[in-house]
Amino acid sequence: MSIVSPSELVGDTAIATFADLFSKQIKAAMDEERAEIAGLSQHLLNAHTFAGKEQIDQQTMLQEMGSAIAKLQFADRLSQRLLNVAKNL
C-alpha cells in the first residue's frame, strides 16, 4: 500500500483514499485467512486419516493436531485487522 500525500487528505478525495485503503486491508486479510482455513482443513483431514489406521504413529498425530491448533490463530489475526479498520473508520 502506498503512502498517502497531504493533498489526498482533503474532502472527497480523503474519503475515497481511505475507503480504498480499508477495502484493500479487508481483502488482504480475507485472502490470507482463506489460505489459513485451507491449511487447517488439511491438518484436520490428515489427523482424521491417521486416527482411522490401526497402527497410529502418535508423534505424527500430535504434530498434525499441533499444526491444526496453531492454524486456529487465523481468527485472532483476522479480528485484530478488522478491528484496526473499524477503528480507523
PDB file of N, CA and C in Angstrom:
ATOM      1  N   MET A   1       0.839  -1.166   0.000  1.00  0.00           N
ATOM      2  CA  MET A   1       0.000   0.000   0.000  1.00  0.00           C
ATOM      3  C   MET A   1       0.890   1.237   0.000  1.00  0.00           C
ATOM      4  N   SER A   2       0.464   2.234  -0.736  1.00  0.00           N
ATOM      5  CA  SER A   2       1.283   3.424  -0.882  1.00  0.00           C
ATOM      6  C   SER A   2       1.042   4.401   0.263  1.00  0.00           C
ATOM      7  N   ILE A   3       2.000   5.286   0.420  1.00  0.00           N
ATOM      8  CA  ILE A   3       1.887   6.342   1.425  1.00  0.00           C
ATOM      9  C   ILE A   3       0.965   7.412   0.868  1.00  0.00           C
ATOM     10  N   VAL A   4       0.130   7.960   1.711  1.00  0.00           N
ATOM     11  CA  VAL A   4      -0.842   8.964   1.303  1.00  0.00           C
ATOM     12  C   VAL A   4      -0.220  10.346   1.443  1.00  0.00           C
ATOM     13  N   SER A   5      -0.308  11.156   0.382  1.00  0.00           N
ATOM     14  CA  SER A   5       0.229  12.513   0.435  1.00  0.00           C
ATOM     15  C   SER A   5      -0.789  13.443   1.105  1.00  0.00           C
ATOM     16  N   PRO A   6      -0.325  14.568   1.664  1.00  0.00           N
ATOM     17  CA  PRO A   6      -1.240  15.506   2.328  1.00  0.00           C
ATOM     18  C   PRO A   6      -2.355  16.007   1.415  1.00  0.00           C
ATOM     19  N   SER A   7      -2.065  16.147   0.117  1.00  0.00           N
ATOM     20  CA  SER A   7      -3.102  16.634  -0.806  1.00  0.00           C
ATOM     21  C   SER A   7      -4.237  15.627  -0.964  1.00  0.00           C
ATOM     22  N   GLU A   8      -3.973  14.358  -0.650  1.00  0.00           N
ATOM     23  CA  GLU A   8      -5.004  13.330  -0.759  1.00  0.00           C
ATOM     24  C   GLU A   8      -5.891  13.269   0.484  1.00  0.00           C
ATOM     25  N   LEU A   9      -5.575  14.062   1.488  1.00  0.00           N
ATOM     26  CA  LEU A   9      -6.318  14.013   2.745  1.00  0.00           C
ATOM     27  C   LEU A   9      -7.311  15.158   2.872  1.00  0.00           C
ATOM     28  N   VAL A  10      -7.872  15.591   1.752  1.00  0.00           N
ATOM     29  CA  VAL A  10      -8.807  16.703   1.750  1.00  0.00           C
ATOM     30  C   VAL A  10     -10.124  16.267   1.115  1.00  0.00           C
ATOM     31  N   GLY A  11     -11.230  16.510   1.823  1.00  0.00           N
ATOM     32  CA  GLY A  11     -12.572  16.318   1.291  1.00  0.00           C
ATOM     33  C   GLY A  11     -12.868  14.935   0.746  1.00  0.00           C
ATOM     34  N   ASP A  12     -13.545  14.919  -0.403  1.00  0.00           N
ATOM     35  CA  ASP A  12     -13.979  13.671  -1.022  1.00  0.00           C
ATOM     36  C   ASP A  12     -12.799  12.776  -1.401  1.00  0.00           C
ATOM     37  N   THR A  13     -11.691  13.400  -1.748  1.00  0.00           N
ATOM     38  CA  THR A  13     -10.509  12.619  -2.100  1.00  0.00           C
ATOM     39  C   THR A  13     -10.044  11.807  -0.900  1.00  0.00           C
ATOM     40  N   ALA A  14     -10.088  12.418   0.280  1.00  0.00           N
ATOM     41  CA  ALA A  14      -9.681  11.711   1.502  1.00  0.00           C
ATOM     42  C   ALA A  14     -10.594  10.530   1.760  1.00  0.00           C
ATOM     43  N   ILE A  15     -11.873  10.728   1.618  1.00  0.00           N
ATOM     44  CA  ILE A  15     -12.832   9.642   1.849  1.00  0.00           C
ATOM     45  C   ILE A  15     -12.574   8.498   0.882  1.00  0.00           C
ATOM     46  N   ALA A  16     -12.402   8.838  -0.393  1.00  0.00           N
ATOM     47  CA  ALA A  16     -12.145   7.802  -1.401  1.00  0.00           C
ATOM     48  C   ALA A  16     -10.823   7.091  -1.131  1.00  0.00           C
ATOM     49  N   THR A  17      -9.805   7.847  -0.740  1.00  0.00           N
ATOM     50  CA  THR A  17      -8.486   7.264  -0.463  1.00  0.00           C
ATOM     51  C   THR A  17      -8.570   6.295   0.708  1.00  0.00           C
ATOM     52  N   PHE A  18      -9.199   6.726   1.794  1.00  0.00           N
ATOM     53  CA  PHE A  18      -9.315   5.859   2.964  1.00  0.00           C
ATOM     54  C   PHE A  18     -10.220   4.664   2.699  1.00  0.00           C
ATOM     55  N   ALA A  19     -11.301   4.861   1.970  1.00  0.00           N
ATOM     56  CA  ALA A  19     -12.188   3.742   1.643  1.00  0.00           C
ATOM     57  C   ALA A  19     -11.436   2.700   0.821  1.00  0.00           C
ATOM     58  N   ASP A  20     -10.610   3.162  -0.114  1.00  0.00           N
ATOM     59  CA  ASP A  20      -9.817   2.243  -0.929  1.00  0.00           C
ATOM     60  C   ASP A  20      -8.792   1.509  -0.064  1.00  0.00           C
ATOM     61  N   LEU A  21      -8.136   2.226   0.839  1.00  0.00           N
ATOM     62  CA  LEU A  21      -7.159   1.618   1.733  1.00  0.00           C
ATOM     63  C   LEU A  21      -7.806   0.563   2.628  1.00  0.00           C
ATOM     64  N   PHE A  22      -8.942   0.895   3.220  1.00  0.00           N
ATOM     65  CA  PHE A  22      -9.645  -0.048   4.093  1.00  0.00           C
ATOM     66  C   PHE A  22     -10.109  -1.272   3.312  1.00  0.00           C
ATOM     67  N   SER A  23     -10.591  -1.038   2.101  1.00  0.00           N
ATOM     68  CA  SER A  23     -11.038  -2.137   1.252  1.00  0.00           C
ATOM     69  C   SER A  23      -9.884  -3.091   0.954  1.00  0.00           C
ATOM     70  N   LYS A  24      -8.715  -2.536   0.654  1.00  0.00           N
ATOM     71  CA  LYS A  24      -7.540  -3.369   0.376  1.00  0.00           C
ATOM     72  C   LYS A  24      -7.111  -4.142   1.615  1.00  0.00           C
ATOM     73  N   GLN A  25      -7.195  -3.512   2.790  1.00  0.00           N
ATOM     74  CA  GLN A  25      -6.830  -4.202   4.031  1.00  0.00           C
ATOM     75  C   GLN A  25      -7.765  -5.376   4.298  1.00  0.00           C
ATOM     76  N   ILE A  26      -9.046  -5.168   4.111  1.00  0.00           N
ATOM     77  CA  ILE A  26     -10.024  -6.230   4.340  1.00  0.00           C
ATOM     78  C   ILE A  26      -9.818  -7.358   3.336  1.00  0.00           C
ATOM     79  N   LYS A  27      -9.613  -7.018   2.061  1.00  0.00           N
ATOM     80  CA  LYS A  27      -9.396  -8.046   1.039  1.00  0.00           C
ATOM     81  C   LYS A  27      -8.140  -8.856   1.342  1.00  0.00           C
ATOM     82  N   ALA A  28      -7.056  -8.184   1.712  1.00  0.00           N
ATOM     83  CA  ALA A  28      -5.813  -8.894   2.026  1.00  0.00           C
ATOM     84  C   ALA A  28      -6.012  -9.826   3.217  1.00  0.00           C
ATOM     85  N   ALA A  29      -6.712  -9.353   4.232  1.00  0.00           N
ATOM     86  CA  ALA A  29      -6.966 -10.185   5.413  1.00  0.00           C
ATOM     87  C   ALA A  29      -7.800 -11.410   5.042  1.00  0.00           C
ATOM     88  N   MET A  30      -8.814 -11.215   4.249  1.00  0.00           N
ATOM     89  CA  MET A  30      -9.679 -12.327   3.864  1.00  0.00           C
ATOM     90  C   MET A  30      -8.930 -13.329   2.984  1.00  0.00           C
ATOM     91  N   ASP A  31      -8.084 -12.845   2.075  1.00  0.00           N
ATOM     92  CA  ASP A  31      -7.290 -13.750   1.233  1.00  0.00           C
ATOM     93  C   ASP A  31      -6.351 -14.601   2.086  1.00  0.00           C
ATOM     94  N   GLU A  32      -5.688 -13.968   3.045  1.00  0.00           N
ATOM     95  CA  GLU A  32      -4.785 -14.701   3.933  1.00  0.00           C
ATOM     96  C   GLU A  32      -5.551 -15.735   4.752  1.00  0.00           C
ATOM     97  N   GLU A  33      -6.707 -15.368   5.230  1.00  0.00           N
ATOM     98  CA  GLU A  33      -7.468 -16.276   6.082  1.00  0.00           C
ATOM     99  C   GLU A  33      -8.032 -17.452   5.299  1.00  0.00           C
ATOM    100  N   ARG A  34      -8.371 -17.248   4.030  1.00  0.00           N
ATOM    101  CA  ARG A  34      -8.814 -18.373   3.199  1.00  0.00           C
ATOM    102  C   ARG A  34      -7.716 -19.423   3.099  1.00  0.00           C
ATOM    103  N   ALA A  35      -6.474 -18.970   2.932  1.00  0.00           N
ATOM    104  CA  ALA A  35      -5.340 -19.894   2.860  1.00  0.00           C
ATOM    105  C   ALA A  35      -5.146 -20.605   4.199  1.00  0.00           C
ATOM    106  N   GLU A  36      -5.313 -19.880   5.293  1.00  0.00           N
ATOM    107  CA  GLU A  36      -5.167 -20.483   6.624  1.00  0.00           C
ATOM    108  C   GLU A  36      -6.251 -21.540   6.869  1.00  0.00           C
ATOM    109  N   ILE A  37      -7.460 -21.260   6.452  1.00  0.00           N
ATOM    110  CA  ILE A  37      -8.556 -22.218   6.631  1.00  0.00           C
ATOM    111  C   ILE A  37      -8.291 -23.480   5.812  1.00  0.00           C
ATOM    112  N   ALA A  38      -7.763 -23.299   4.595  1.00  0.00           N
ATOM    113  CA  ALA A  38      -7.430 -24.466   3.767  1.00  0.00           C
ATOM    114  C   ALA A  38      -6.356 -25.307   4.448  1.00  0.00           C
ATOM    115  N   GLY A  39      -5.353 -24.653   5.031  1.00  0.00           N
ATOM    116  CA  GLY A  39      -4.305 -25.375   5.749  1.00  0.00           C
ATOM    117  C   GLY A  39      -4.842 -26.094   6.969  1.00  0.00           C
ATOM    118  N   LEU A  40      -5.731 -25.430   7.699  1.00  0.00           N
ATOM    119  CA  LEU A  40      -6.355 -26.043   8.875  1.00  0.00           C
ATOM    120  C   LEU A  40      -7.155 -27.274   8.459  1.00  0.00           C
ATOM    121  N   SER A  41      -7.908 -27.146   7.396  1.00  0.00           N
ATOM    122  CA  SER A  41      -8.706 -28.275   6.914  1.00  0.00           C
ATOM    123  C   SER A  41      -7.818 -29.465   6.565  1.00  0.00           C
ATOM    124  N   GLN A  42      -6.679 -29.191   5.931  1.00  0.00           N
ATOM    125  CA  GLN A  42      -5.768 -30.265   5.547  1.00  0.00           C
ATOM    126  C   GLN A  42      -5.191 -30.956   6.786  1.00  0.00           C
ATOM    127  N   HIS A  43      -4.811 -30.190   7.795  1.00  0.00           N
ATOM    128  CA  HIS A  43      -4.276 -30.788   9.017  1.00  0.00           C
ATOM    129  C   HIS A  43      -5.331 -31.640   9.726  1.00  0.00           C
ATOM    130  N   LEU A  44      -6.555 -31.159   9.757  1.00  0.00           N
ATOM    131  CA  LEU A  44      -7.626 -31.935  10.396  1.00  0.00           C
ATOM    132  C   LEU A  44      -7.917 -33.208   9.607  1.00  0.00           C
ATOM    133  N   LEU A  45      -7.885 -33.108   8.283  1.00  0.00           N
ATOM    134  CA  LEU A  45      -8.088 -34.286   7.442  1.00  0.00           C
ATOM    135  C   LEU A  45      -6.967 -35.301   7.667  1.00  0.00           C
ATOM    136  N   ASN A  46      -5.733 -34.819   7.739  1.00  0.00           N
ATOM    137  CA  ASN A  46      -4.603 -35.711   7.998  1.00  0.00           C
ATOM    138  C   ASN A  46      -4.745 -36.393   9.359  1.00  0.00           C
ATOM    139  N   ALA A  47      -5.127 -35.637  10.368  1.00  0.00           N
ATOM    140  CA  ALA A  47      -5.291 -36.208  11.706  1.00  0.00           C
ATOM    141  C   ALA A  47      -6.397 -37.261  11.700  1.00  0.00           C
ATOM    142  N   HIS A  48      -7.475 -36.980  10.984  1.00  0.00           N
ATOM    143  CA  HIS A  48      -8.582 -37.927  10.894  1.00  0.00           C
ATOM    144  C   HIS A  48      -8.122 -39.212  10.183  1.00  0.00           C
ATOM    145  N   THR A  49      -7.325 -39.045   9.131  1.00  0.00           N
ATOM    146  CA  THR A  49      -6.805 -40.199   8.398  1.00  0.00           C
ATOM    147  C   THR A  49      -5.931 -41.054   9.300  1.00  0.00           C
ATOM    148  N   PHE A  50      -5.060 -40.410  10.069  1.00  0.00           N
ATOM    149  CA  PHE A  50      -4.183 -41.154  10.977  1.00  0.00           C
ATOM    150  C   PHE A  50      -4.994 -41.859  12.060  1.00  0.00           C
ATOM    151  N   ALA A  51      -6.052 -41.220  12.536  1.00  0.00           N
ATOM    152  CA  ALA A  51      -6.867 -41.805  13.600  1.00  0.00           C
ATOM    153  C   ALA A  51      -7.581 -43.067  13.117  1.00  0.00           C
ATOM    154  N   GLY A  52      -7.834 -43.169  11.813  1.00  0.00           N
ATOM    155  CA  GLY A  52      -8.534 -44.324  11.276  1.00  0.00           C
ATOM    156  C   GLY A  52      -7.649 -45.535  11.044  1.00  0.00           C
ATOM    157  N   LYS A  53      -6.362 -45.396  11.215  1.00  0.00           N
ATOM    158  CA  LYS A  53      -5.440 -46.510  10.991  1.00  0.00           C
ATOM    159  C   LYS A  53      -5.288 -47.330  12.266  1.00  0.00           C
ATOM    160  N   GLU A  54      -5.026 -48.612  12.065  1.00  0.00           N
ATOM    161  CA  GLU A  54      -4.816 -49.476  13.228  1.00  0.00           C
ATOM    162  C   GLU A  54      -3.528 -49.103  13.950  1.00  0.00           C
ATOM    163  N   GLN A  55      -2.490 -48.890  13.191  1.00  0.00           N
ATOM    164  CA  GLN A  55      -1.204 -48.501  13.765  1.00  0.00           C
ATOM    165  C   GLN A  55      -1.106 -46.976  13.687  1.00  0.00           C
ATOM    166  N   ILE A  56      -1.294 -46.335  14.811  1.00  0.00           N
ATOM    167  CA  ILE A  56      -1.248 -44.875  14.838  1.00  0.00           C
ATOM    168  C   ILE A  56       0.157 -44.430  15.220  1.00  0.00           C
ATOM    169  N   ASP A  57       0.744 -43.617  14.368  1.00  0.00           N
ATOM    170  CA  ASP A  57       2.023 -43.001  14.680  1.00  0.00           C
ATOM    171  C   ASP A  57       1.705 -41.803  15.571  1.00  0.00           C
ATOM    172  N   GLN A  58       1.890 -41.977  16.857  1.00  0.00           N
ATOM    173  CA  GLN A  58       1.486 -40.959  17.828  1.00  0.00           C
ATOM    174  C   GLN A  58       2.189 -39.631  17.587  1.00  0.00           C
ATOM    175  N   GLN A  59       3.458 -39.669  17.252  1.00  0.00           N
ATOM    176  CA  GLN A  59       4.207 -38.428  17.025  1.00  0.00           C
ATOM    177  C   GLN A  59       3.630 -37.659  15.834  1.00  0.00           C
ATOM    178  N   THR A  60       3.336 -38.364  14.744  1.00  0.00           N
ATOM    179  CA  THR A  60       2.761 -37.722  13.565  1.00  0.00           C
ATOM    180  C   THR A  60       1.388 -37.153  13.882  1.00  0.00           C
ATOM    181  N   MET A  61       0.600 -37.913  14.626  1.00  0.00           N
ATOM    182  CA  MET A  61      -0.731 -37.455  15.015  1.00  0.00           C
ATOM    183  C   MET A  61      -0.632 -36.182  15.865  1.00  0.00           C
ATOM    184  N   LEU A  62       0.282 -36.168  16.819  1.00  0.00           N
ATOM    185  CA  LEU A  62       0.459 -34.989  17.670  1.00  0.00           C
ATOM    186  C   LEU A  62       0.929 -33.783  16.859  1.00  0.00           C
ATOM    187  N   GLN A  63       1.788 -34.023  15.881  1.00  0.00           N
ATOM    188  CA  GLN A  63       2.248 -32.917  15.038  1.00  0.00           C
ATOM    189  C   GLN A  63       1.098 -32.333  14.219  1.00  0.00           C
ATOM    190  N   GLU A  64       0.276 -33.199  13.659  1.00  0.00           N
ATOM    191  CA  GLU A  64      -0.869 -32.725  12.873  1.00  0.00           C
ATOM    192  C   GLU A  64      -1.851 -31.946  13.750  1.00  0.00           C
ATOM    193  N   MET A  65      -2.112 -32.445  14.924  1.00  0.00           N
ATOM    194  CA  MET A  65      -3.036 -31.757  15.825  1.00  0.00           C
ATOM    195  C   MET A  65      -2.445 -30.419  16.281  1.00  0.00           C
ATOM    196  N   GLY A  66      -1.145 -30.412  16.564  1.00  0.00           N
ATOM    197  CA  GLY A  66      -0.485 -29.163  16.942  1.00  0.00           C
ATOM    198  C   GLY A  66      -0.532 -28.136  15.830  1.00  0.00           C
ATOM    199  N   SER A  67      -0.325 -28.591  14.609  1.00  0.00           N
ATOM    200  CA  SER A  67      -0.395 -27.695  13.455  1.00  0.00           C
ATOM    201  C   SER A  67      -1.812 -27.162  13.266  1.00  0.00           C
ATOM    202  N   ALA A  68      -2.791 -28.018  13.467  1.00  0.00           N
ATOM    203  CA  ALA A  68      -4.191 -27.590  13.334  1.00  0.00           C
ATOM    204  C   ALA A  68      -4.524 -26.532  14.380  1.00  0.00           C
ATOM    205  N   ILE A  69      -4.068 -26.748  15.605  1.00  0.00           N
ATOM    206  CA  ILE A  69      -4.340 -25.772  16.665  1.00  0.00           C
ATOM    207  C   ILE A  69      -3.657 -24.444  16.363  1.00  0.00           C
ATOM    208  N   ALA A  70      -2.422 -24.493  15.872  1.00  0.00           N
ATOM    209  CA  ALA A  70      -1.703 -23.265  15.519  1.00  0.00           C
ATOM    210  C   ALA A  70      -2.435 -22.512  14.407  1.00  0.00           C
ATOM    211  N   LYS A  71      -3.009 -23.249  13.468  1.00  0.00           N
ATOM    212  CA  LYS A  71      -3.731 -22.612  12.363  1.00  0.00           C
ATOM    213  C   LYS A  71      -4.983 -21.879  12.859  1.00  0.00           C
ATOM    214  N   LEU A  72      -5.503 -22.262  14.006  1.00  0.00           N
ATOM    215  CA  LEU A  72      -6.694 -21.596  14.544  1.00  0.00           C
ATOM    216  C   LEU A  72      -6.419 -20.139  14.931  1.00  0.00           C
ATOM    217  N   GLN A  73      -5.153 -19.766  14.992  1.00  0.00           N
ATOM    218  CA  GLN A  73      -4.810 -18.387  15.324  1.00  0.00           C
ATOM    219  C   GLN A  73      -5.243 -17.414  14.238  1.00  0.00           C
ATOM    220  N   PHE A  74      -5.622 -17.922  13.064  1.00  0.00           N
ATOM    221  CA  PHE A  74      -6.060 -17.035  11.997  1.00  0.00           C
ATOM    222  C   PHE A  74      -7.236 -16.174  12.448  1.00  0.00           C
ATOM    223  N   ALA A  75      -8.095 -16.728  13.272  1.00  0.00           N
ATOM    224  CA  ALA A  75      -9.271 -15.968  13.711  1.00  0.00           C
ATOM    225  C   ALA A  75      -8.859 -14.754  14.525  1.00  0.00           C
ATOM    226  N   ASP A  76      -7.849 -14.904  15.357  1.00  0.00           N
ATOM    227  CA  ASP A  76      -7.362 -13.785  16.161  1.00  0.00           C
ATOM    228  C   ASP A  76      -6.720 -12.722  15.270  1.00  0.00           C
ATOM    229  N   ARG A  77      -5.910 -13.152  14.305  1.00  0.00           N
ATOM    230  CA  ARG A  77      -5.275 -12.189  13.400  1.00  0.00           C
ATOM    231  C   ARG A  77      -6.320 -11.436  12.581  1.00  0.00           C
ATOM    232  N   LEU A  78      -7.322 -12.160  12.092  1.00  0.00           N
ATOM    233  CA  LEU A  78      -8.361 -11.520  11.295  1.00  0.00           C
ATOM    234  C   LEU A  78      -9.129 -10.508  12.122  1.00  0.00           C
ATOM    235  N   SER A  79      -9.498 -10.869  13.337  1.00  0.00           N
ATOM    236  CA  SER A  79     -10.258  -9.934  14.159  1.00  0.00           C
ATOM    237  C   SER A  79      -9.435  -8.701  14.495  1.00  0.00           C
ATOM    238  N   GLN A  80      -8.136  -8.859  14.727  1.00  0.00           N
ATOM    239  CA  GLN A  80      -7.276  -7.700  15.007  1.00  0.00           C
ATOM    240  C   GLN A  80      -7.212  -6.766  13.805  1.00  0.00           C
ATOM    241  N   ARG A  81      -7.082  -7.333  12.621  1.00  0.00           N
ATOM    242  CA  ARG A  81      -7.009  -6.493  11.420  1.00  0.00           C
ATOM    243  C   ARG A  81      -8.327  -5.770  11.164  1.00  0.00           C
ATOM    244  N   LEU A  82      -9.427  -6.479  11.341  1.00  0.00           N
ATOM    245  CA  LEU A  82     -10.728  -5.838  11.099  1.00  0.00           C
ATOM    246  C   LEU A  82     -11.042  -4.801  12.165  1.00  0.00           C
ATOM    247  N   LEU A  83     -10.612  -5.036  13.412  1.00  0.00           N
ATOM    248  CA  LEU A  83     -10.787  -4.019  14.448  1.00  0.00           C
ATOM    249  C   LEU A  83      -9.986  -2.770  14.124  1.00  0.00           C
ATOM    250  N   ASN A  84      -8.807  -2.932  13.556  1.00  0.00           N
ATOM    251  CA  ASN A  84      -7.994  -1.792  13.156  1.00  0.00           C
ATOM    252  C   ASN A  84      -8.703  -0.983  12.071  1.00  0.00           C
ATOM    253  N   VAL A  85      -9.283  -1.686  11.102  1.00  0.00           N
ATOM    254  CA  VAL A  85     -10.027  -0.993  10.042  1.00  0.00           C
ATOM    255  C   VAL A  85     -11.230  -0.266  10.637  1.00  0.00           C
ATOM    256  N   ALA A  86     -11.973  -0.959  11.511  1.00  0.00           N
ATOM    257  CA  ALA A  86     -13.151  -0.328  12.117  1.00  0.00           C
ATOM    258  C   ALA A  86     -12.772   0.890  12.943  1.00  0.00           C
ATOM    259  N   LYS A  87     -11.663   0.807  13.661  1.00  0.00           N
ATOM    260  CA  LYS A  87     -11.206   1.939  14.473  1.00  0.00           C
ATOM    261  C   LYS A  87     -10.907   3.145  13.566  1.00  0.00           C
ATOM    262  N   ASN A  88     -10.252   2.887  12.446  1.00  0.00           N
ATOM    263  CA  ASN A  88      -9.920   3.974  11.525  1.00  0.00           C
ATOM    264  C   ASN A  88     -11.155   4.559  10.848  1.00  0.00           C
ATOM    265  N   LEU A  89     -12.164   3.731  10.652  1.00  0.00           N
ATOM    266  CA  LEU A  89     -13.404   4.251  10.061  1.00  0.00           C
ATOM    267  C   LEU A  89     -14.088   5.173  11.043  1.00  0.00           C
TER     268      LEU A  89
END
